[in-house]
PDB file of N, CA and C in Angstrom:
ATOM      1  N   UNK A   1       0.827  -1.168   0.000  1.00  0.00           N
ATOM      2  CA  UNK A   1       0.000   0.000   0.000  1.00  0.00           C
ATOM      3  C   UNK A   1       0.877   1.239   0.000  1.00  0.00           C
ATOM      4  N   UNK A   2       0.489   2.200  -0.813  1.00  0.00           N
ATOM      5  CA  UNK A   2       1.229   3.450  -0.874  1.00  0.00           C
ATOM      6  C   UNK A   2       0.523   4.532  -0.069  1.00  0.00           C
ATOM      7  N   UNK A   3       1.285   5.479   0.271  1.00  0.00           N
ATOM      8  CA  UNK A   3       0.724   6.623   0.994  1.00  0.00           C
ATOM      9  C   UNK A   3       0.273   7.674  -0.011  1.00  0.00           C
ATOM     10  N   UNK A   4      -0.820   8.301   0.293  1.00  0.00           N
ATOM     11  CA  UNK A   4      -1.291   9.396  -0.539  1.00  0.00           C
ATOM     12  C   UNK A   4      -0.625  10.670  -0.029  1.00  0.00           C
ATOM     13  N   UNK A   5       0.088  11.301  -0.934  1.00  0.00           N
ATOM     14  CA  UNK A   5       0.787  12.519  -0.540  1.00  0.00           C
ATOM     15  C   UNK A   5      -0.180  13.694  -0.610  1.00  0.00           C
ATOM     16  N   UNK A   6      -0.288  14.402   0.482  1.00  0.00           N
ATOM     17  CA  UNK A   6      -1.184  15.552   0.523  1.00  0.00           C
ATOM     18  C   UNK A   6      -0.521  16.750  -0.139  1.00  0.00           C
ATOM     19  N   UNK A   7      -1.321  17.502  -0.847  1.00  0.00           N
ATOM     20  CA  UNK A   7      -0.815  18.716  -1.474  1.00  0.00           C
ATOM     21  C   UNK A   7      -0.454  19.723  -0.378  1.00  0.00           C
ATOM     22  N   UNK A   8       0.596  20.472  -0.601  1.00  0.00           N
ATOM     23  CA  UNK A   8       0.956  21.473   0.406  1.00  0.00           C
ATOM     24  C   UNK A   8      -0.147  22.532   0.517  1.00  0.00           C
ATOM     25  N   UNK A   9      -0.284  23.061   1.711  1.00  0.00           N
ATOM     26  CA  UNK A   9      -1.287  24.089   1.951  1.00  0.00           C
ATOM     27  C   UNK A   9      -0.865  25.362   1.212  1.00  0.00           C
ATOM     28  N   UNK A  10      -1.813  26.030   0.560  1.00  0.00           N
ATOM     29  CA  UNK A  10      -1.461  27.266  -0.147  1.00  0.00           C
ATOM     30  C   UNK A  10      -0.894  28.320   0.803  1.00  0.00           C
ATOM     31  N   UNK A  11       0.005  29.113   0.255  1.00  0.00           N
ATOM     32  CA  UNK A  11       0.616  30.202   1.023  1.00  0.00           C
ATOM     33  C   UNK A  11       0.033  31.526   0.533  1.00  0.00           C
ATOM     34  N   UNK A  12      -0.149  32.424   1.487  1.00  0.00           N
ATOM     35  CA  UNK A  12      -0.732  33.735   1.197  1.00  0.00           C
ATOM     36  C   UNK A  12       0.158  34.825   1.760  1.00  0.00           C
ATOM     37  N   UNK A  13       0.384  35.853   0.965  1.00  0.00           N
ATOM     38  CA  UNK A  13       1.109  37.024   1.435  1.00  0.00           C
ATOM     39  C   UNK A  13       0.103  38.036   1.959  1.00  0.00           C
ATOM     40  N   UNK A  14       0.334  38.472   3.165  1.00  0.00           N
ATOM     41  CA  UNK A  14      -0.485  39.522   3.757  1.00  0.00           C
ATOM     42  C   UNK A  14       0.428  40.728   3.900  1.00  0.00           C
ATOM     43  N   UNK A  15       0.105  41.781   3.174  1.00  0.00           N
ATOM     44  CA  UNK A  15       0.940  42.974   3.205  1.00  0.00           C
ATOM     45  C   UNK A  15       0.205  44.106   3.914  1.00  0.00           C
ATOM     46  N   UNK A  16       0.991  44.978   4.512  1.00  0.00           N
ATOM     47  CA  UNK A  16       0.432  46.123   5.220  1.00  0.00           C
ATOM     48  C   UNK A  16       1.527  47.155   5.434  1.00  0.00           C
ATOM     49  N   UNK A  17       1.127  48.325   5.863  1.00  0.00           N
ATOM     50  CA  UNK A  17       2.062  49.388   6.239  1.00  0.00           C
ATOM     51  C   UNK A  17       2.083  49.428   7.762  1.00  0.00           C
ATOM     52  N   UNK A  18       3.281  49.308   8.343  1.00  0.00           N
ATOM     53  CA  UNK A  18       3.368  49.270   9.806  1.00  0.00           C
ATOM     54  C   UNK A  18       3.322  50.675  10.393  1.00  0.00           C
ATOM     55  N   UNK A  19       3.441  50.760  11.685  1.00  0.00           N
ATOM     56  CA  UNK A  19       3.318  52.043  12.387  1.00  0.00           C
ATOM     57  C   UNK A  19       4.464  53.017  12.096  1.00  0.00           C
ATOM     58  N   UNK A  20       5.537  52.533  11.476  1.00  0.00           N
ATOM     59  CA  UNK A  20       6.656  53.396  11.091  1.00  0.00           C
ATOM     60  C   UNK A  20       6.576  53.792   9.613  1.00  0.00           C
ATOM     61  N   UNK A  21       5.467  53.405   8.958  1.00  0.00           N
ATOM     62  CA  UNK A  21       5.287  53.733   7.545  1.00  0.00           C
ATOM     63  C   UNK A  21       6.025  52.812   6.597  1.00  0.00           C
ATOM     64  N   UNK A  22       6.524  51.686   7.109  1.00  0.00           N
ATOM     65  CA  UNK A  22       7.288  50.744   6.301  1.00  0.00           C
ATOM     66  C   UNK A  22       6.374  49.637   5.774  1.00  0.00           C
ATOM     67  N   UNK A  23       6.553  49.261   4.495  1.00  0.00           N
ATOM     68  CA  UNK A  23       5.778  48.139   3.973  1.00  0.00           C
ATOM     69  C   UNK A  23       6.285  46.820   4.556  1.00  0.00           C
ATOM     70  N   UNK A  24       5.362  45.952   4.925  1.00  0.00           N
ATOM     71  CA  UNK A  24       5.697  44.653   5.519  1.00  0.00           C
ATOM     72  C   UNK A  24       4.880  43.593   4.787  1.00  0.00           C
ATOM     73  N   UNK A  25       5.506  42.441   4.548  1.00  0.00           N
ATOM     74  CA  UNK A  25       4.793  41.297   3.975  1.00  0.00           C
ATOM     75  C   UNK A  25       5.036  40.102   4.889  1.00  0.00           C
ATOM     76  N   UNK A  26       3.961  39.534   5.388  1.00  0.00           N
ATOM     77  CA  UNK A  26       4.018  38.309   6.202  1.00  0.00           C
ATOM     78  C   UNK A  26       3.390  37.193   5.380  1.00  0.00           C
ATOM     79  N   UNK A  27       3.941  35.990   5.467  1.00  0.00           N
ATOM     80  CA  UNK A  27       3.399  34.869   4.710  1.00  0.00           C
ATOM     81  C   UNK A  27       2.746  33.880   5.665  1.00  0.00           C
ATOM     82  N   UNK A  28       1.562  33.401   5.266  1.00  0.00           N
ATOM     83  CA  UNK A  28       0.786  32.469   6.075  1.00  0.00           C
ATOM     84  C   UNK A  28       0.313  31.300   5.219  1.00  0.00           C
ATOM     85  N   UNK A  29       0.206  30.130   5.839  1.00  0.00           N
ATOM     86  CA  UNK A  29      -0.405  28.966   5.207  1.00  0.00           C
ATOM     87  C   UNK A  29      -1.878  28.965   5.566  1.00  0.00           C
ATOM     88  N   UNK A  30      -2.731  28.792   4.566  1.00  0.00           N
ATOM     89  CA  UNK A  30      -4.170  28.781   4.817  1.00  0.00           C
ATOM     90  C   UNK A  30      -4.839  28.011   3.684  1.00  0.00           C
ATOM     91  N   UNK A  31      -5.805  27.164   4.006  1.00  0.00           N
ATOM     92  CA  UNK A  31      -6.476  26.344   3.002  1.00  0.00           C
ATOM     93  C   UNK A  31      -7.210  27.178   1.955  1.00  0.00           C
ATOM     94  N   UNK A  32      -7.695  28.345   2.355  1.00  0.00           N
ATOM     95  CA  UNK A  32      -8.449  29.209   1.449  1.00  0.00           C
ATOM     96  C   UNK A  32      -7.906  30.634   1.561  1.00  0.00           C
ATOM     97  N   UNK A  33      -8.256  31.478   0.621  1.00  0.00           N
ATOM     98  CA  UNK A  33      -7.811  32.865   0.708  1.00  0.00           C
ATOM     99  C   UNK A  33      -8.431  33.500   1.938  1.00  0.00           C
ATOM    100  N   UNK A  34      -7.606  33.977   2.858  1.00  0.00           N
ATOM    101  CA  UNK A  34      -8.154  34.571   4.070  1.00  0.00           C
ATOM    102  C   UNK A  34      -8.888  35.884   3.763  1.00  0.00           C
ATOM    103  N   UNK A  35      -9.954  36.117   4.492  1.00  0.00           N
ATOM    104  CA  UNK A  35     -10.626  37.409   4.421  1.00  0.00           C
ATOM    105  C   UNK A  35      -9.712  38.433   5.081  1.00  0.00           C
ATOM    106  N   UNK A  36     -10.025  39.698   4.940  1.00  0.00           N
ATOM    107  CA  UNK A  36      -9.221  40.716   5.623  1.00  0.00           C
ATOM    108  C   UNK A  36      -9.283  40.535   7.130  1.00  0.00           C
ATOM    109  N   UNK A  37     -10.436  40.154   7.641  1.00  0.00           N
ATOM    110  CA  UNK A  37     -10.570  39.929   9.086  1.00  0.00           C
ATOM    111  C   UNK A  37      -9.687  38.761   9.533  1.00  0.00           C
ATOM    112  N   UNK A  38      -9.712  37.654   8.778  1.00  0.00           N
ATOM    113  CA  UNK A  38      -8.863  36.504   9.122  1.00  0.00           C
ATOM    114  C   UNK A  38      -7.387  36.881   9.019  1.00  0.00           C
ATOM    115  N   UNK A  39      -7.022  37.629   7.979  1.00  0.00           N
ATOM    116  CA  UNK A  39      -5.637  38.068   7.808  1.00  0.00           C
ATOM    117  C   UNK A  39      -5.216  38.968   8.968  1.00  0.00           C
ATOM    118  N   UNK A  40      -6.101  39.856   9.390  1.00  0.00           N
ATOM    119  CA  UNK A  40      -5.796  40.744  10.512  1.00  0.00           C
ATOM    120  C   UNK A  40      -5.564  39.948  11.791  1.00  0.00           C
ATOM    121  N   UNK A  41      -6.342  38.902  11.989  1.00  0.00           N
ATOM    122  CA  UNK A  41      -6.164  38.065  13.179  1.00  0.00           C
ATOM    123  C   UNK A  41      -4.813  37.364  13.154  1.00  0.00           C
ATOM    124  N   UNK A  42      -4.389  36.884  11.973  1.00  0.00           N
ATOM    125  CA  UNK A  42      -3.087  36.229  11.856  1.00  0.00           C
ATOM    126  C   UNK A  42      -1.953  37.233  12.059  1.00  0.00           C
ATOM    127  N   UNK A  43      -2.088  38.419  11.496  1.00  0.00           N
ATOM    128  CA  UNK A  43      -1.069  39.459  11.655  1.00  0.00           C
ATOM    129  C   UNK A  43      -0.974  39.884  13.111  1.00  0.00           C
ATOM    130  N   UNK A  44      -2.112  40.043  13.767  1.00  0.00           N
ATOM    131  CA  UNK A  44      -2.123  40.474  15.165  1.00  0.00           C
ATOM    132  C   UNK A  44      -1.300  39.528  16.030  1.00  0.00           C
ATOM    133  N   UNK A  45      -1.379  38.228  15.777  1.00  0.00           N
ATOM    134  CA  UNK A  45      -0.619  37.247  16.564  1.00  0.00           C
ATOM    135  C   UNK A  45       0.881  37.479  16.400  1.00  0.00           C
ATOM    136  N   UNK A  46       1.314  37.816  15.189  1.00  0.00           N
ATOM    137  CA  UNK A  46       2.745  38.036  14.950  1.00  0.00           C
ATOM    138  C   UNK A  46       3.213  39.401  15.438  1.00  0.00           C
ATOM    139  N   UNK A  47       2.399  40.410  15.230  1.00  0.00           N
ATOM    140  CA  UNK A  47       2.799  41.768  15.590  1.00  0.00           C
ATOM    141  C   UNK A  47       2.729  41.992  17.087  1.00  0.00           C
ATOM    142  N   UNK A  48       1.702  41.472  17.704  1.00  0.00           N
ATOM    143  CA  UNK A  48       1.506  41.688  19.138  1.00  0.00           C
ATOM    144  C   UNK A  48       0.875  40.448  19.754  1.00  0.00           C
ATOM    145  N   UNK A  49       1.686  39.422  20.029  1.00  0.00           N
ATOM    146  CA  UNK A  49       1.138  38.163  20.547  1.00  0.00           C
ATOM    147  C   UNK A  49       0.297  38.328  21.808  1.00  0.00           C
ATOM    148  N   UNK A  50       0.583  39.348  22.594  1.00  0.00           N
ATOM    149  CA  UNK A  50      -0.177  39.584  23.818  1.00  0.00           C
ATOM    150  C   UNK A  50      -1.641  39.866  23.486  1.00  0.00           C
ATOM    151  N   UNK A  51      -1.893  40.461  22.330  1.00  0.00           N
ATOM    152  CA  UNK A  51      -3.248  40.832  21.938  1.00  0.00           C
ATOM    153  C   UNK A  51      -4.023  39.695  21.282  1.00  0.00           C
ATOM    154  N   UNK A  52      -3.403  38.516  21.169  1.00  0.00           N
ATOM    155  CA  UNK A  52      -4.052  37.395  20.483  1.00  0.00           C
ATOM    156  C   UNK A  52      -5.434  37.116  21.035  1.00  0.00           C
ATOM    157  N   UNK A  53      -5.598  37.193  22.316  1.00  0.00           N
ATOM    158  CA  UNK A  53      -6.868  36.854  22.960  1.00  0.00           C
ATOM    159  C   UNK A  53      -7.734  38.081  23.236  1.00  0.00           C
ATOM    160  N   UNK A  54      -7.357  39.217  22.653  1.00  0.00           N
ATOM    161  CA  UNK A  54      -8.096  40.452  22.895  1.00  0.00           C
ATOM    162  C   UNK A  54      -9.576  40.278  22.577  1.00  0.00           C
ATOM    163  N   UNK A  55     -10.402  40.691  23.495  1.00  0.00           N
ATOM    164  CA  UNK A  55     -11.847  40.609  23.322  1.00  0.00           C
ATOM    165  C   UNK A  55     -12.314  41.817  22.521  1.00  0.00           C
ATOM    166  N   UNK A  56     -12.852  41.555  21.344  1.00  0.00           N
ATOM    167  CA  UNK A  56     -13.329  42.629  20.490  1.00  0.00           C
ATOM    168  C   UNK A  56     -14.844  42.737  20.526  1.00  0.00           C
ATOM    169  N   UNK A  57     -15.459  42.194  21.578  1.00  0.00           N
ATOM    170  CA  UNK A  57     -16.914  42.211  21.665  1.00  0.00           C
ATOM    171  C   UNK A  57     -17.489  43.616  21.603  1.00  0.00           C
ATOM    172  N   UNK A  58     -16.746  44.600  22.091  1.00  0.00           N
ATOM    173  CA  UNK A  58     -17.271  45.961  22.047  1.00  0.00           C
ATOM    174  C   UNK A  58     -17.394  46.468  20.615  1.00  0.00           C
ATOM    175  N   UNK A  59     -16.656  45.871  19.698  1.00  0.00           N
ATOM    176  CA  UNK A  59     -16.736  46.271  18.298  1.00  0.00           C
ATOM    177  C   UNK A  59     -17.625  45.340  17.475  1.00  0.00           C
ATOM    178  N   UNK A  60     -17.864  44.152  17.963  1.00  0.00           N
ATOM    179  CA  UNK A  60     -18.647  43.172  17.215  1.00  0.00           C
ATOM    180  C   UNK A  60     -20.024  43.731  16.898  1.00  0.00           C
ATOM    181  N   UNK A  61     -20.469  43.468  15.715  1.00  0.00           N
ATOM    182  CA  UNK A  61     -21.781  43.891  15.217  1.00  0.00           C
ATOM    183  C   UNK A  61     -21.907  45.406  15.077  1.00  0.00           C
ATOM    184  N   UNK A  62     -20.894  46.157  15.422  1.00  0.00           N
ATOM    185  CA  UNK A  62     -20.940  47.601  15.240  1.00  0.00           C
ATOM    186  C   UNK A  62     -19.976  48.053  14.157  1.00  0.00           C
ATOM    187  N   UNK A  63     -18.928  47.264  13.958  1.00  0.00           N
ATOM    188  CA  UNK A  63     -17.881  47.624  13.015  1.00  0.00           C
ATOM    189  C   UNK A  63     -17.570  46.402  12.149  1.00  0.00           C
ATOM    190  N   UNK A  64     -17.584  46.577  10.833  1.00  0.00           N
ATOM    191  CA  UNK A  64     -17.143  45.455  10.011  1.00  0.00           C
ATOM    192  C   UNK A  64     -15.649  45.223  10.222  1.00  0.00           C
ATOM    193  N   UNK A  65     -15.235  43.977  10.245  1.00  0.00           N
ATOM    194  CA  UNK A  65     -13.825  43.621  10.418  1.00  0.00           C
ATOM    195  C   UNK A  65     -13.201  44.277  11.652  1.00  0.00           C
ATOM    196  N   UNK A  66     -13.678  43.918  12.851  1.00  0.00           N
ATOM    197  CA  UNK A  66     -13.184  44.574  14.070  1.00  0.00           C
ATOM    198  C   UNK A  66     -11.684  44.412  14.308  1.00  0.00           C
ATOM    199  N   UNK A  67     -11.094  43.290  13.896  1.00  0.00           N
ATOM    200  CA  UNK A  67      -9.660  43.115  14.109  1.00  0.00           C
ATOM    201  C   UNK A  67      -8.875  44.046  13.208  1.00  0.00           C
ATOM    202  N   UNK A  68      -9.356  44.253  11.985  1.00  0.00           N
ATOM    203  CA  UNK A  68      -8.702  45.200  11.073  1.00  0.00           C
ATOM    204  C   UNK A  68      -8.707  46.588  11.720  1.00  0.00           C
ATOM    205  N   UNK A  69      -9.834  46.992  12.253  1.00  0.00           N
ATOM    206  CA  UNK A  69      -9.958  48.303  12.912  1.00  0.00           C
ATOM    207  C   UNK A  69      -9.045  48.378  14.141  1.00  0.00           C
ATOM    208  N   UNK A  70      -9.026  47.319  14.928  1.00  0.00           N
ATOM    209  CA  UNK A  70      -8.196  47.288  16.128  1.00  0.00           C
ATOM    210  C   UNK A  70      -6.710  47.403  15.772  1.00  0.00           C
ATOM    211  N   UNK A  71      -6.265  46.681  14.740  1.00  0.00           N
ATOM    212  CA  UNK A  71      -4.862  46.770  14.320  1.00  0.00           C
ATOM    213  C   UNK A  71      -4.517  48.193  13.898  1.00  0.00           C
ATOM    214  N   UNK A  72      -5.430  48.824  13.201  1.00  0.00           N
ATOM    215  CA  UNK A  72      -5.178  50.198  12.766  1.00  0.00           C
ATOM    216  C   UNK A  72      -5.142  51.151  13.960  1.00  0.00           C
ATOM    217  N   UNK A  73      -6.143  51.065  14.807  1.00  0.00           N
ATOM    218  CA  UNK A  73      -6.250  52.000  15.938  1.00  0.00           C
ATOM    219  C   UNK A  73      -5.166  51.789  16.995  1.00  0.00           C
ATOM    220  N   UNK A  74      -4.834  50.528  17.290  1.00  0.00           N
ATOM    221  CA  UNK A  74      -3.911  50.244  18.388  1.00  0.00           C
ATOM    222  C   UNK A  74      -2.470  50.017  17.948  1.00  0.00           C
ATOM    223  N   UNK A  75      -2.275  49.578  16.693  1.00  0.00           N
ATOM    224  CA  UNK A  75      -0.924  49.257  16.243  1.00  0.00           C
ATOM    225  C   UNK A  75      -0.475  50.086  15.048  1.00  0.00           C
ATOM    226  N   UNK A  76      -1.336  50.958  14.546  1.00  0.00           N
ATOM    227  CA  UNK A  76      -0.957  51.802  13.416  1.00  0.00           C
ATOM    228  C   UNK A  76      -0.801  51.054  12.112  1.00  0.00           C
ATOM    229  N   UNK A  77      -1.376  49.863  12.008  1.00  0.00           N
ATOM    230  CA  UNK A  77      -1.258  49.056  10.793  1.00  0.00           C
ATOM    231  C   UNK A  77      -2.389  49.435   9.845  1.00  0.00           C
ATOM    232  N   UNK A  78      -2.009  49.705   8.588  1.00  0.00           N
ATOM    233  CA  UNK A  78      -3.029  50.098   7.614  1.00  0.00           C
ATOM    234  C   UNK A  78      -2.736  49.451   6.259  1.00  0.00           C
ATOM    235  N   UNK A  79      -3.684  49.606   5.359  1.00  0.00           N
ATOM    236  CA  UNK A  79      -3.581  49.089   3.980  1.00  0.00           C
ATOM    237  C   UNK A  79      -3.331  47.582   3.946  1.00  0.00           C
ATOM    238  N   UNK A  80      -4.083  46.846   4.731  1.00  0.00           N
ATOM    239  CA  UNK A  80      -3.967  45.387   4.791  1.00  0.00           C
ATOM    240  C   UNK A  80      -4.458  44.786   3.477  1.00  0.00           C
ATOM    241  N   UNK A  81      -3.650  43.903   2.874  1.00  0.00           N
ATOM    242  CA  UNK A  81      -4.018  43.229   1.630  1.00  0.00           C
ATOM    243  C   UNK A  81      -3.610  41.771   1.674  1.00  0.00           C
ATOM    244  N   UNK A  82      -4.354  40.934   0.945  1.00  0.00           N
ATOM    245  CA  UNK A  82      -4.064  39.509   0.867  1.00  0.00           C
ATOM    246  C   UNK A  82      -3.869  39.143  -0.596  1.00  0.00           C
ATOM    247  N   UNK A  83      -2.766  38.422  -0.898  1.00  0.00           N
ATOM    248  CA  UNK A  83      -2.492  37.953  -2.248  1.00  0.00           C
ATOM    249  C   UNK A  83      -1.887  36.570  -2.173  1.00  0.00           C
ATOM    250  N   UNK A  84      -2.103  35.766  -3.220  1.00  0.00           N
ATOM    251  CA  UNK A  84      -1.443  34.449  -3.238  1.00  0.00           C
ATOM    252  C   UNK A  84       0.077  34.636  -3.279  1.00  0.00           C
ATOM    253  N   UNK A  85       0.777  33.795  -2.552  1.00  0.00           N
ATOM    254  CA  UNK A  85       2.247  33.835  -2.593  1.00  0.00           C
ATOM    255  C   UNK A  85       2.709  33.218  -3.893  1.00  0.00           C
ATOM    256  N   UNK A  86       3.774  33.751  -4.427  1.00  0.00           N
ATOM    257  CA  UNK A  86       4.306  33.241  -5.705  1.00  0.00           C
ATOM    258  C   UNK A  86       4.988  31.923  -5.525  1.00  0.00           C
TER     259      UNK A  86
END
């Protein structure tokens, strides 16, 4: 019996401008193209691991993509984009 080799998980580049105005690209493995909210959650873990468990309930249902807003307001991260990695 042979083993079925699983295809590697697709890689996605998440780019943004950090709080110093510098362009940053982080790469993530994800089965599907992450939404901006999902990408913001992944970036938040890398940029500020302490905030990983941050409760965004105060923004839920009032603001679309609360993590995107939180990253911008608290970490100065803006222009979040998701693209397939080459």
